[in-house]
Protein backbone atom coordinates (compact mmCIF):
# COMPACT_ATOMS: atom_id res chain seq x y z
CA MET A 1 72.32 5.91 50.22
CA PHE A 2 69.50 8.47 49.87
CA TRP A 3 68.07 6.97 46.68
CA SER A 4 68.30 3.41 48.00
CA LEU A 5 66.38 4.43 51.12
CA ALA A 6 63.84 6.42 49.09
CA ILE A 7 63.11 3.38 46.91
CA LEU A 8 62.94 1.10 49.94
CA ALA A 9 60.55 3.56 51.62
CA TYR A 10 58.28 3.61 48.57
CA LEU A 11 58.23 -0.20 48.40
CA LEU A 12 57.48 -0.46 52.11
CA GLY A 13 54.83 2.22 51.82
CA SER A 14 53.23 0.22 49.00
CA LEU A 15 52.30 -2.54 51.48
CA SER A 16 48.65 -1.73 52.11
CA PHE A 17 47.78 -3.22 55.47
CA ALA A 18 44.08 -2.49 54.94
CA ILE A 19 44.01 -4.49 51.72
CA LEU A 20 46.22 -7.31 53.03
CA LEU A 21 44.28 -7.68 56.28
CA SER A 22 40.98 -7.58 54.40
CA ARG A 23 42.12 -10.39 52.15
CA LEU A 24 43.39 -12.47 55.07
CA ASN A 25 40.16 -11.93 56.98
CA GLY A 26 37.80 -12.44 54.03
CA SER A 27 36.50 -8.88 54.39
CA PRO A 28 35.62 -6.74 51.37
CA ASP A 29 38.37 -4.75 49.65
CA PRO A 30 38.27 -1.38 51.46
CA ARG A 31 38.82 0.41 48.14
CA ASP A 32 35.50 -0.96 46.87
CA SER A 33 33.41 -0.66 50.05
CA GLY A 34 32.55 1.90 52.67
CA SER A 35 34.35 5.16 51.94
CA GLY A 36 36.51 3.50 49.29
CA ASN A 37 39.68 4.31 51.24
CA ALA A 38 42.38 1.76 52.10
CA GLY A 39 42.97 3.05 55.61
CA ALA A 40 42.24 2.46 59.28
CA THR A 41 39.03 4.53 59.43
CA ASN A 42 37.39 2.57 56.64
CA MET A 43 38.65 -0.67 58.12
CA LEU A 44 36.86 0.25 61.35
CA ARG A 45 33.64 0.62 59.34
CA LEU A 46 34.12 -2.58 57.35
CA ALA A 47 36.01 -5.05 59.52
CA GLY A 48 35.88 -3.85 63.14
CA LYS A 49 38.26 -2.49 65.76
CA LYS A 50 40.87 -5.25 65.70
CA LEU A 51 41.68 -4.96 61.99
CA ALA A 52 41.41 -1.17 62.14
CA ILE A 53 43.99 -1.04 64.94
CA LEU A 54 46.29 -3.45 63.10
CA THR A 55 45.94 -1.34 59.93
CA LEU A 56 46.74 1.83 61.89
CA ILE A 57 49.82 0.26 63.51
CA GLY A 58 51.07 -1.09 60.18
CA ASP A 59 50.56 2.24 58.40
CA VAL A 60 52.27 4.23 61.15
CA CYS A 61 55.22 1.82 61.19
CA LYS A 62 55.73 1.95 57.44
CA GLY A 63 55.98 5.73 57.74
CA SER A 64 58.33 5.81 60.72
CA ILE A 65 60.69 2.93 59.94
CA PRO A 66 62.21 4.40 56.74
CA VAL A 67 62.72 7.78 58.46
CA LEU A 68 64.41 6.13 61.46
CA ILE A 69 66.65 4.07 59.17
CA ALA A 70 67.55 7.24 57.24
CA GLY A 71 68.47 8.94 60.52
CA TRP A 72 70.57 6.00 61.66
CA ALA A 73 72.29 6.05 58.25
CA GLY A 74 73.33 9.65 58.89
CA LEU A 75 70.99 11.44 56.49
CA ASN A 76 70.09 15.01 57.46
CA ALA A 77 66.55 15.97 58.50
CA ARG A 78 65.64 17.25 55.01
CA ASP A 79 66.62 13.94 53.38
CA GLN A 80 64.92 11.96 56.15
CA ALA A 81 61.71 13.89 55.40
CA TRP A 82 62.01 13.17 51.67
CA VAL A 83 62.52 9.47 52.43
CA GLY A 84 59.41 9.54 54.64
CA LEU A 85 57.47 11.25 51.88
CA CYS A 86 58.41 8.34 49.60
CA ALA A 87 56.79 5.97 52.08
CA VAL A 88 53.62 8.09 52.02
CA LEU A 89 53.69 8.10 48.20
CA GLY A 90 53.86 4.31 48.36
CA HIS A 91 50.75 4.30 50.52
CA LEU A 92 48.92 6.70 48.17
CA PHE A 93 50.02 4.90 44.98
CA PRO A 94 50.98 1.34 45.97
CA LEU A 95 52.99 -0.57 43.41
CA TYR A 96 51.51 -3.88 44.55
CA PHE A 97 47.86 -2.82 44.34
CA ARG A 98 47.54 -1.12 40.95
CA PHE A 99 48.45 2.29 42.41
CA ARG A 100 45.09 2.51 44.27
CA GLY A 101 45.90 3.25 47.87
CA GLY A 102 44.72 5.23 50.85
CA LYS A 103 44.90 8.84 51.86
CA GLY A 104 48.23 8.68 53.70
CA VAL A 105 47.29 10.19 57.06
CA ALA A 106 48.49 7.38 59.34
CA THR A 107 51.64 6.84 57.25
CA ALA A 108 52.30 10.60 57.44
CA ALA A 109 51.85 10.44 61.22
CA GLY A 110 54.45 7.68 61.34
CA MET A 111 56.76 9.73 59.17
CA LEU A 112 56.38 12.68 61.58
CA LEU A 113 56.92 10.39 64.57
CA GLY A 114 60.26 9.27 63.14
CA LEU A 115 61.27 12.75 62.02
CA TYR A 116 60.18 15.01 64.86
CA ALA A 117 57.98 13.46 67.57
CA PRO A 118 56.57 16.78 68.93
CA ALA A 119 55.06 17.48 65.51
CA ALA A 120 53.49 14.03 65.48
CA LEU A 121 52.05 14.61 68.96
CA LEU A 122 50.64 17.95 67.83
CA ALA A 123 49.03 16.31 64.78
CA VAL A 124 47.60 13.42 66.80
CA GLY A 125 46.27 15.79 69.45
CA ALA A 126 44.63 18.04 66.84
CA TRP A 127 43.20 15.01 65.05
CA LEU A 128 41.74 13.55 68.26
CA LEU A 129 40.25 16.87 69.37
CA THR A 130 38.70 17.59 65.96
CA PHE A 131 37.35 14.06 65.71
CA TYR A 132 35.92 14.25 69.23
CA LEU A 133 34.14 17.53 68.42
CA THR A 134 32.94 16.66 64.89
CA ARG A 135 33.02 12.84 64.62
CA THR A 136 34.48 13.36 61.15
CA SER A 137 37.77 11.66 60.33
CA SER A 138 38.46 13.53 57.10
CA LEU A 139 37.99 16.95 58.74
CA ALA A 140 40.29 15.88 61.58
CA SER A 141 42.97 14.91 59.05
CA LEU A 142 42.56 18.13 57.06
CA ILE A 143 43.02 20.22 60.21
CA ALA A 144 45.79 18.18 61.87
CA THR A 145 48.22 17.90 58.96
CA PRO A 146 48.69 21.63 58.15
CA LEU A 147 48.97 22.48 61.86
CA THR A 148 52.39 20.83 61.96
CA LEU A 149 53.89 23.23 59.41
CA PRO A 150 54.41 26.27 61.73
CA LEU A 151 56.03 24.05 64.37
CA LEU A 152 58.34 22.50 61.78
CA ALA A 153 59.16 25.93 60.31
CA TRP A 154 60.27 26.96 63.77
CA GLN A 155 61.99 23.79 65.02
CA LEU A 156 63.01 21.83 61.92
CA PRO A 157 63.00 24.25 58.97
CA GLN A 158 65.04 21.94 56.73
CA ALA A 159 62.06 19.53 56.67
CA LEU A 160 59.52 22.23 55.82
CA LEU A 161 59.53 21.76 52.02
CA PRO A 162 58.92 17.97 52.05
CA MET A 163 56.29 18.42 54.78
CA THR A 164 54.55 21.13 52.74
CA VAL A 165 54.49 18.76 49.76
CA LEU A 166 53.09 16.07 52.07
CA THR A 167 50.38 18.42 53.36
CA LEU A 168 49.36 19.36 49.81
CA LEU A 169 49.19 15.68 48.83
CA ILE A 170 46.97 14.84 51.79
CA VAL A 171 44.64 17.76 51.05
CA TRP A 172 44.55 16.71 47.37
CA ARG A 173 43.70 13.10 48.35
CA HIS A 174 40.85 14.44 50.50
CA ARG A 175 39.36 16.61 47.70
CA GLY A 176 36.25 14.40 47.53
CA ASN A 177 35.85 14.71 51.28
CA LEU A 178 36.17 18.48 50.99
CA ARG A 179 33.33 18.54 48.44
CA ASP A 180 31.21 16.36 50.74
CA LEU A 181 32.03 18.55 53.76
CA TYR A 182 30.94 21.68 51.89
CA ALA A 183 27.77 19.95 50.71
CA GLY A 184 26.99 18.53 54.18
CA ARG A 185 27.23 14.91 52.95
CA GLU A 186 30.45 13.81 54.67
CA ARG A 187 30.29 10.58 56.69
CA HIS A 188 30.36 10.88 60.49
CA PHE A 189 30.95 8.27 63.16
């Protein structure tokens, strides 16, 4: 059951709502415009609030649905977290879009929502506060994601390893943003 759900999660994660909605709307491919990221923040820049919100909802759902299904199937929290990580991997490296995806933050938030909602609320709260103070989405993501690890270590330690891998992947996907932040060139809203 675990491997079937992991594969299903990856395939679901590979559905890039930013790319699909851009194509349906006649907007530019988000991977080739704006920040070059197939995610909700870049969709806000390129296509407006409506498509950004739809992208966000789609990305959150594709992270939470596999985890919820894994829970309903009786998988333990560790395996649920690995299944969720497969959905995030699908978002980062989508099979259907030549393995060029987004940065995984909204999909990771959905994964957390399905796995342990208080951690998702902590991440969303930290993201919103950081974004409010800095107007920088990448910095908000880089702060919010690692903040969940101490809470998970305390409340859901069996999910700590997959969540640590997830955190490292998100930081790695933001390496260009980190360079721009250090150089003072990062985009702000």
